[in-house]
Amino acid sequence: MKIKIAHLYYDLLNLYGEQGNIFALKKAFETQKVKVEVDLLSVNDKINFNKYDIFYMGMGSEENLLIVLEDIKKYIKELKEVIKKGKYFFATGNSHELFGKFIEMQGKKYKTLSIFSYYAKENPQRIVGDSLMELEGLSPIIGFQNRLSCLINEKKHLFKVIIGHADNSKSNFEGYHYKNFFGTYLLGPLFIRNPHFTDYLIQEIMKNKYIPVKPNYEHKAYQEYLKNFFNKGD
């Protein structure tokens, strides 16, 4: 078995070491005895979306996000098709804002891909801090947020907020989930800090070929973080 991953705009959307999510995915697949090929793709590259099983985009500065927006617009048809087909697409940080209707930034409105119905608006104050989330009965999902925008989204949420920041002040949810598209503001990198979440995704992708894994040092680091920062009152 072989998995091909497209790391989209790897150079422009890589704040806070978000390429670590690719390392985590690659390692998790290799533990399953799966060969992994990662292509690093950016502005002006010709992308054949049919070649790939998984797509990933990370966090970028506001300036870089707009550069990516101008380039990725030419792939709207292809993006809609792979998402509709159920190919796996992971967008962390502010990159998932690109898939909504528009982004309001510095007093301007930028039309985005309009694949989904949500949109992003500039928040009066930067949103920064740790978060603890819940997903389908999994152990808590931990992450960090550092963003200027809030997401206005009424449905298809990814996480329920336990502690920390929701999409916006009127919501108790964070992120977006449609078929196999996963969008979230959580940084960390997310897959490294949450090995149980990564295992869950690998199991979903591999179905009956998945080989159960034993907890390792990454799982221990996750448990230690919960104990030190979220379970002090227990």
C-alpha atoms as a PDB file:
ATOM      1  CA  MET A   1       0.000   0.000   0.000  1.00  0.00           C
ATOM      2  CA  LYS A   2       1.191   3.517  -0.817  1.00  0.00           C
ATOM      3  CA  ILE A   3      -0.133   6.917   0.279  1.00  0.00           C
ATOM      4  CA  LYS A   4       0.597  10.125  -1.609  1.00  0.00           C
ATOM      5  CA  ILE A   5       0.367  13.400   0.343  1.00  0.00           C
ATOM      6  CA  ALA A   6       0.257  16.879  -1.187  1.00  0.00           C
ATOM      7  CA  HIS A   7       1.638  19.500   1.199  1.00  0.00           C
ATOM      8  CA  LEU A   8       0.105  22.612  -0.339  1.00  0.00           C
ATOM      9  CA  TYR A   9       1.919  25.951  -0.023  1.00  0.00           C
ATOM     10  CA  TYR A  10       4.442  24.386   2.331  1.00  0.00           C
ATOM     11  CA  ASP A  11       6.675  27.471   2.223  1.00  0.00           C
ATOM     12  CA  LEU A  12       4.029  30.171   2.705  1.00  0.00           C
ATOM     13  CA  LEU A  13       1.751  28.394   5.201  1.00  0.00           C
ATOM     14  CA  ASN A  14       4.219  27.114   7.757  1.00  0.00           C
ATOM     15  CA  LEU A  15       4.053  29.341  10.825  1.00  0.00           C
ATOM     16  CA  TYR A  16       4.808  27.706  14.190  1.00  0.00           C
ATOM     17  CA  GLY A  17       6.362  24.601  12.632  1.00  0.00           C
ATOM     18  CA  GLU A  18       3.165  23.348  11.053  1.00  0.00           C
ATOM     19  CA  GLN A  19       5.158  21.040   8.770  1.00  0.00           C
ATOM     20  CA  GLY A  20       5.352  18.862  11.891  1.00  0.00           C
ATOM     21  CA  ASN A  21       1.863  17.611  11.014  1.00  0.00           C
ATOM     22  CA  ILE A  22       3.277  16.092   7.828  1.00  0.00           C
ATOM     23  CA  PHE A  23       6.062  14.405   9.798  1.00  0.00           C
ATOM     24  CA  ALA A  24       3.489  12.948  12.199  1.00  0.00           C
ATOM     25  CA  LEU A  25       1.290  11.613   9.388  1.00  0.00           C
ATOM     26  CA  LYS A  26       4.260  10.104   7.588  1.00  0.00           C
ATOM     27  CA  LYS A  27       5.515   8.377  10.717  1.00  0.00           C
ATOM     28  CA  ALA A  28       2.041   7.056  11.577  1.00  0.00           C
ATOM     29  CA  PHE A  29       1.617   5.536   8.121  1.00  0.00           C
ATOM     30  CA  GLU A  30       5.105   4.029   8.173  1.00  0.00           C
ATOM     31  CA  THR A  31       4.248   2.374  11.491  1.00  0.00           C
ATOM     32  CA  GLN A  32       1.418   0.726   9.554  1.00  0.00           C
ATOM     33  CA  LYS A  33       3.979  -0.535   6.978  1.00  0.00           C
ATOM     34  CA  VAL A  34       2.619   1.903   4.402  1.00  0.00           C
ATOM     35  CA  LYS A  35       4.932   3.685   1.974  1.00  0.00           C
ATOM     36  CA  VAL A  36       4.460   7.442   1.972  1.00  0.00           C
ATOM     37  CA  GLU A  37       5.330   9.963  -0.711  1.00  0.00           C
ATOM     38  CA  VAL A  38       5.085  13.686   0.107  1.00  0.00           C
ATOM     39  CA  ASP A  39       5.135  16.358  -2.589  1.00  0.00           C
ATOM     40  CA  LEU A  40       5.894  19.943  -1.573  1.00  0.00           C
ATOM     41  CA  LEU A  41       3.785  22.248  -3.731  1.00  0.00           C
ATOM     42  CA  SER A  42       3.511  26.026  -3.854  1.00  0.00           C
ATOM     43  CA  VAL A  43       2.668  29.056  -5.979  1.00  0.00           C
ATOM     44  CA  ASN A  44       2.925  28.476  -9.745  1.00  0.00           C
ATOM     45  CA  ASP A  45       3.322  24.701  -9.395  1.00  0.00           C
ATOM     46  CA  LYS A  46       1.006  22.701 -11.617  1.00  0.00           C
ATOM     47  CA  ILE A  47      -0.991  20.463  -9.276  1.00  0.00           C
ATOM     48  CA  ASN A  48      -2.615  17.240 -10.442  1.00  0.00           C
ATOM     49  CA  PHE A  49      -5.147  16.667  -7.676  1.00  0.00           C
ATOM     50  CA  ASN A  50      -5.988  13.177  -8.913  1.00  0.00           C
ATOM     51  CA  LYS A  51      -2.504  11.961  -7.937  1.00  0.00           C
ATOM     52  CA  TYR A  52      -2.998  12.407  -4.199  1.00  0.00           C
ATOM     53  CA  ASP A  53      -4.792  10.622  -1.379  1.00  0.00           C
ATOM     54  CA  ILE A  54      -4.314  13.330   1.267  1.00  0.00           C
ATOM     55  CA  PHE A  55      -3.966  17.118   1.119  1.00  0.00           C
ATOM     56  CA  TYR A  56      -2.584  19.353   3.866  1.00  0.00           C
ATOM     57  CA  MET A  57      -2.375  23.125   4.391  1.00  0.00           C
ATOM     58  CA  GLY A  58      -0.988  24.888   7.454  1.00  0.00           C
ATOM     59  CA  MET A  59      -0.983  28.275   9.166  1.00  0.00           C
ATOM     60  CA  GLY A  60       0.341  31.416   7.505  1.00  0.00           C
ATOM     61  CA  SER A  61       0.675  35.130   8.116  1.00  0.00           C
ATOM     62  CA  GLU A  62      -2.159  37.336   6.866  1.00  0.00           C
ATOM     63  CA  GLU A  63       0.062  38.512   4.004  1.00  0.00           C
ATOM     64  CA  ASN A  64       0.990  34.986   2.927  1.00  0.00           C
ATOM     65  CA  LEU A  65      -2.607  33.830   3.171  1.00  0.00           C
ATOM     66  CA  LEU A  66      -3.582  36.427   0.570  1.00  0.00           C
ATOM     67  CA  ILE A  67      -0.744  35.304  -1.716  1.00  0.00           C
ATOM     68  CA  VAL A  68      -2.004  31.734  -1.467  1.00  0.00           C
ATOM     69  CA  LEU A  69      -5.579  32.883  -2.099  1.00  0.00           C
ATOM     70  CA  GLU A  70      -4.621  34.428  -5.434  1.00  0.00           C
ATOM     71  CA  ASP A  71      -2.924  31.209  -6.556  1.00  0.00           C
ATOM     72  CA  ILE A  72      -5.379  28.628  -5.245  1.00  0.00           C
ATOM     73  CA  LYS A  73      -8.406  30.293  -6.879  1.00  0.00           C
ATOM     74  CA  LYS A  74      -7.514  28.618 -10.156  1.00  0.00           C
ATOM     75  CA  TYR A  75      -8.126  25.219  -8.535  1.00  0.00           C
ATOM     76  CA  ILE A  76     -11.679  25.788  -7.258  1.00  0.00           C
ATOM     77  CA  LYS A  77     -13.154  23.112  -9.522  1.00  0.00           C
ATOM     78  CA  GLU A  78     -10.498  20.539  -8.583  1.00  0.00           C
ATOM     79  CA  LEU A  79     -10.791  21.302  -4.864  1.00  0.00           C
ATOM     80  CA  LYS A  80     -14.571  20.920  -4.913  1.00  0.00           C
ATOM     81  CA  GLU A  81     -14.185  17.609  -6.701  1.00  0.00           C
ATOM     82  CA  VAL A  82     -11.652  16.031  -4.324  1.00  0.00           C
ATOM     83  CA  ILE A  83     -13.626  17.185  -1.265  1.00  0.00           C
ATOM     84  CA  LYS A  84     -16.868  15.853  -2.739  1.00  0.00           C
ATOM     85  CA  LYS A  85     -15.168  12.527  -3.517  1.00  0.00           C
ATOM     86  CA  GLY A  86     -14.171  12.232   0.133  1.00  0.00           C
ATOM     87  CA  LYS A  87     -10.419  12.539  -0.218  1.00  0.00           C
ATOM     88  CA  TYR A  88      -8.784  13.552   3.050  1.00  0.00           C
ATOM     89  CA  PHE A  89      -8.042  17.244   3.416  1.00  0.00           C
ATOM     90  CA  PHE A  90      -6.512  18.755   6.564  1.00  0.00           C
ATOM     91  CA  ALA A  91      -6.324  22.543   6.957  1.00  0.00           C
ATOM     92  CA  THR A  92      -4.889  23.900  10.225  1.00  0.00           C
ATOM     93  CA  GLY A  93      -4.492  27.451  11.489  1.00  0.00           C
ATOM     94  CA  ASN A  94      -6.054  30.110   9.301  1.00  0.00           C
ATOM     95  CA  SER A  95      -5.759  28.123   6.046  1.00  0.00           C
ATOM     96  CA  HIS A  96      -9.287  26.714   6.421  1.00  0.00           C
ATOM     97  CA  GLU A  97     -10.611  30.284   6.144  1.00  0.00           C
ATOM     98  CA  LEU A  98      -9.815  30.094   2.412  1.00  0.00           C
ATOM     99  CA  PHE A  99     -12.565  27.517   1.851  1.00  0.00           C
ATOM    100  CA  GLY A 100     -15.380  29.772   3.066  1.00  0.00           C
ATOM    101  CA  LYS A 101     -17.192  32.664   1.387  1.00  0.00           C
ATOM    102  CA  PHE A 102     -14.903  35.533   2.314  1.00  0.00           C
ATOM    103  CA  ILE A 103     -12.307  36.899   4.716  1.00  0.00           C
ATOM    104  CA  GLU A 104     -12.538  40.367   6.239  1.00  0.00           C
ATOM    105  CA  MET A 105      -9.050  41.654   6.973  1.00  0.00           C
ATOM    106  CA  GLN A 106      -7.694  45.145   7.693  1.00  0.00           C
ATOM    107  CA  GLY A 107     -11.006  46.714   6.740  1.00  0.00           C
ATOM    108  CA  LYS A 108     -11.196  44.904   3.386  1.00  0.00           C
ATOM    109  CA  LYS A 109     -13.282  41.960   2.232  1.00  0.00           C
ATOM    110  CA  TYR A 110     -11.552  39.260   0.183  1.00  0.00           C
ATOM    111  CA  LYS A 111     -13.694  36.756  -1.718  1.00  0.00           C
ATOM    112  CA  THR A 112     -12.454  33.238  -1.047  1.00  0.00           C
ATOM    113  CA  LEU A 113     -13.236  29.832  -2.593  1.00  0.00           C
ATOM    114  CA  SER A 114     -16.905  29.596  -1.460  1.00  0.00           C
ATOM    115  CA  ILE A 115     -16.713  25.824  -1.151  1.00  0.00           C
ATOM    116  CA  PHE A 116     -18.347  26.070   2.289  1.00  0.00           C
ATOM    117  CA  SER A 117     -20.826  28.581   3.738  1.00  0.00           C
ATOM    118  CA  TYR A 118     -18.786  29.964   6.647  1.00  0.00           C
ATOM    119  CA  TYR A 119     -16.739  33.170   6.560  1.00  0.00           C
ATOM    120  CA  ALA A 120     -14.002  34.845   8.601  1.00  0.00           C
ATOM    121  CA  LYS A 121     -14.095  38.302  10.176  1.00  0.00           C
ATOM    122  CA  GLU A 122     -11.344  40.255  11.862  1.00  0.00           C
ATOM    123  CA  ASN A 123     -11.646  40.134  15.658  1.00  0.00           C
ATOM    124  CA  PRO A 124     -11.127  43.343  17.688  1.00  0.00           C
ATOM    125  CA  GLN A 125      -8.352  41.604  19.643  1.00  0.00           C
ATOM    126  CA  ARG A 126      -5.946  38.822  18.728  1.00  0.00           C
ATOM    127  CA  ILE A 127      -7.085  35.442  20.062  1.00  0.00           C
ATOM    128  CA  VAL A 128      -4.183  33.659  21.770  1.00  0.00           C
ATOM    129  CA  GLY A 129      -4.017  30.726  24.157  1.00  0.00           C
ATOM    130  CA  ASP A 130      -4.279  27.025  24.849  1.00  0.00           C
ATOM    131  CA  SER A 131      -7.445  25.106  24.069  1.00  0.00           C
ATOM    132  CA  LEU A 132      -8.937  21.788  25.049  1.00  0.00           C
ATOM    133  CA  MET A 133     -11.463  20.249  22.660  1.00  0.00           C
ATOM    134  CA  GLU A 134     -13.719  17.226  22.393  1.00  0.00           C
ATOM    135  CA  LEU A 135     -14.282  15.047  19.330  1.00  0.00           C
ATOM    136  CA  GLU A 136     -16.611  12.039  19.080  1.00  0.00           C
ATOM    137  CA  GLY A 137     -15.718  10.640  22.469  1.00  0.00           C
ATOM    138  CA  LEU A 138     -11.950  10.811  21.956  1.00  0.00           C
ATOM    139  CA  SER A 139      -9.760  11.866  24.836  1.00  0.00           C
ATOM    140  CA  PRO A 140      -9.407  15.677  24.915  1.00  0.00           C
ATOM    141  CA  ILE A 141      -7.747  17.287  21.903  1.00  0.00           C
ATOM    142  CA  ILE A 142      -5.131  19.846  22.936  1.00  0.00           C
ATOM    143  CA  GLY A 143      -3.847  22.746  20.889  1.00  0.00           C
ATOM    144  CA  PHE A 144      -2.814  26.368  20.768  1.00  0.00           C
ATOM    145  CA  GLN A 145      -4.454  29.251  18.934  1.00  0.00           C
ATOM    146  CA  ASN A 146      -2.934  32.504  17.707  1.00  0.00           C
ATOM    147  CA  ARG A 147      -5.252  34.264  15.285  1.00  0.00           C
ATOM    148  CA  LEU A 148      -6.754  37.618  14.412  1.00  0.00           C
ATOM    149  CA  SER A 149      -9.960  36.284  12.839  1.00  0.00           C
ATOM    150  CA  CYS A 150     -13.090  34.636  14.117  1.00  0.00           C
ATOM    151  CA  LEU A 151     -15.080  32.149  12.044  1.00  0.00           C
ATOM    152  CA  ILE A 152     -18.818  32.609  11.558  1.00  0.00           C
ATOM    153  CA  ASN A 153     -20.056  29.063  11.110  1.00  0.00           C
ATOM    154  CA  GLU A 154     -23.463  27.639  12.013  1.00  0.00           C
ATOM    155  CA  LYS A 155     -23.039  23.941  11.207  1.00  0.00           C
ATOM    156  CA  LYS A 156     -20.743  20.965  10.604  1.00  0.00           C
ATOM    157  CA  HIS A 157     -18.431  21.802  13.500  1.00  0.00           C
ATOM    158  CA  LEU A 158     -15.312  19.738  14.133  1.00  0.00           C
ATOM    159  CA  PHE A 159     -14.733  20.210  17.867  1.00  0.00           C
ATOM    160  CA  LYS A 160     -16.750  21.077  20.949  1.00  0.00           C
ATOM    161  CA  VAL A 161     -14.846  23.460  23.220  1.00  0.00           C
ATOM    162  CA  ILE A 162     -14.057  22.241  26.737  1.00  0.00           C
ATOM    163  CA  ILE A 163     -11.584  24.992  27.652  1.00  0.00           C
ATOM    164  CA  GLY A 164     -10.306  27.832  25.474  1.00  0.00           C
ATOM    165  CA  HIS A 165     -11.454  29.554  22.329  1.00  0.00           C
ATOM    166  CA  ALA A 166     -14.395  28.731  20.085  1.00  0.00           C
ATOM    167  CA  ASP A 167     -14.778  29.945  16.493  1.00  0.00           C
ATOM    168  CA  ASN A 168     -16.353  33.129  17.814  1.00  0.00           C
ATOM    169  CA  SER A 169     -17.752  34.601  21.032  1.00  0.00           C
ATOM    170  CA  LYS A 170     -21.289  33.316  20.316  1.00  0.00           C
ATOM    171  CA  SER A 171     -20.252  29.706  19.723  1.00  0.00           C
ATOM    172  CA  ASN A 172     -19.133  26.760  21.815  1.00  0.00           C
ATOM    173  CA  PHE A 173     -17.655  24.960  18.824  1.00  0.00           C
ATOM    174  CA  GLU A 174     -14.482  25.190  16.780  1.00  0.00           C
ATOM    175  CA  GLY A 175     -13.436  24.116  13.304  1.00  0.00           C
ATOM    176  CA  TYR A 176     -15.261  22.625  10.351  1.00  0.00           C
ATOM    177  CA  HIS A 177     -15.870  19.021   9.313  1.00  0.00           C
ATOM    178  CA  TYR A 178     -17.474  17.914   6.066  1.00  0.00           C
ATOM    179  CA  LYS A 179     -16.962  14.346   4.795  1.00  0.00           C
ATOM    180  CA  ASN A 180     -13.165  14.032   5.071  1.00  0.00           C
ATOM    181  CA  PHE A 181     -12.365  17.737   5.184  1.00  0.00           C
ATOM    182  CA  PHE A 182     -11.040  18.773   8.601  1.00  0.00           C
ATOM    183  CA  GLY A 183     -10.477  22.474   9.264  1.00  0.00           C
ATOM    184  CA  THR A 184      -9.333  23.915  12.597  1.00  0.00           C
ATOM    185  CA  TYR A 185      -7.501  26.879  14.081  1.00  0.00           C
ATOM    186  CA  LEU A 186      -5.621  24.533  16.418  1.00  0.00           C
ATOM    187  CA  LEU A 187      -1.834  24.644  16.156  1.00  0.00           C
ATOM    188  CA  GLY A 188       0.766  22.661  18.000  1.00  0.00           C
ATOM    189  CA  PRO A 189       1.457  20.956  15.603  1.00  0.00           C
ATOM    190  CA  LEU A 190      -1.927  19.296  16.118  1.00  0.00           C
ATOM    191  CA  PHE A 191      -1.018  15.757  15.008  1.00  0.00           C
ATOM    192  CA  ILE A 192       2.185  15.618  17.053  1.00  0.00           C
ATOM    193  CA  ARG A 193       0.544  16.876  20.245  1.00  0.00           C
ATOM    194  CA  ASN A 194      -2.439  14.535  19.854  1.00  0.00           C
ATOM    195  CA  PRO A 195      -1.143  11.091  18.827  1.00  0.00           C
ATOM    196  CA  HIS A 196      -4.508   9.523  19.687  1.00  0.00           C
ATOM    197  CA  PHE A 197      -6.204  11.878  17.198  1.00  0.00           C
ATOM    198  CA  THR A 198      -3.614  11.005  14.557  1.00  0.00           C
ATOM    199  CA  ASP A 199      -4.204   7.284  15.234  1.00  0.00           C
ATOM    200  CA  TYR A 200      -7.943   7.872  14.859  1.00  0.00           C
ATOM    201  CA  LEU A 201      -7.433   9.503  11.453  1.00  0.00           C
ATOM    202  CA  ILE A 202      -5.050   6.784  10.262  1.00  0.00           C
ATOM    203  CA  GLN A 203      -7.578   4.151  11.309  1.00  0.00           C
ATOM    204  CA  GLU A 204     -10.318   5.975   9.389  1.00  0.00           C
ATOM    205  CA  ILE A 205      -8.145   6.122   6.282  1.00  0.00           C
ATOM    206  CA  MET A 206      -6.906   2.514   6.412  1.00  0.00           C
ATOM    207  CA  LYS A 207     -10.178   0.891   7.555  1.00  0.00           C
ATOM    208  CA  ASN A 208      -9.751  -2.882   8.085  1.00  0.00           C
ATOM    209  CA  LYS A 209      -6.029  -2.748   7.208  1.00  0.00           C
ATOM    210  CA  TYR A 210      -5.248  -0.704  10.321  1.00  0.00           C
ATOM    211  CA  ILE A 211      -2.811  -2.282  12.801  1.00  0.00           C
ATOM    212  CA  PRO A 212      -3.391  -1.196  16.443  1.00  0.00           C
ATOM    213  CA  VAL A 213      -0.416   0.685  17.876  1.00  0.00           C
ATOM    214  CA  LYS A 214       0.976   0.667  21.398  1.00  0.00           C
ATOM    215  CA  PRO A 215       1.281   3.949  23.327  1.00  0.00           C
ATOM    216  CA  ASN A 216       4.722   5.535  22.918  1.00  0.00           C
ATOM    217  CA  TYR A 217       6.594   8.592  24.197  1.00  0.00           C
ATOM    218  CA  GLU A 218       4.259  10.888  22.241  1.00  0.00           C
ATOM    219  CA  HIS A 219       1.266   9.481  24.102  1.00  0.00           C
ATOM    220  CA  LYS A 220       3.176   9.899  27.376  1.00  0.00           C
ATOM    221  CA  ALA A 221       3.947  13.548  26.531  1.00  0.00           C
ATOM    222  CA  TYR A 222       0.262  14.104  25.802  1.00  0.00           C
ATOM    223  CA  GLN A 223      -0.783  12.608  29.163  1.00  0.00           C
ATOM    224  CA  GLU A 224       1.847  14.631  31.014  1.00  0.00           C
ATOM    225  CA  TYR A 225       0.568  17.830  29.423  1.00  0.00           C
ATOM    226  CA  LEU A 226      -2.984  17.081  30.501  1.00  0.00           C
ATOM    227  CA  LYS A 227      -1.845  16.271  34.024  1.00  0.00           C
ATOM    228  CA  ASN A 228       0.281  19.409  34.383  1.00  0.00           C
ATOM    229  CA  PHE A 229      -1.982  21.972  32.766  1.00  0.00           C
ATOM    230  CA  PHE A 230      -5.575  20.768  32.803  1.00  0.00           C
ATOM    231  CA  ASN A 231      -5.955  18.364  35.743  1.00  0.00           C
ATOM    232  CA  LYS A 232      -4.440  20.447  38.526  1.00  0.00           C
ATOM    233  CA  GLY A 233      -7.691  20.622  40.412  1.00  0.00           C
ATOM    234  CA  ASP A 234      -8.373  16.858  40.339  1.00  0.00           C
END
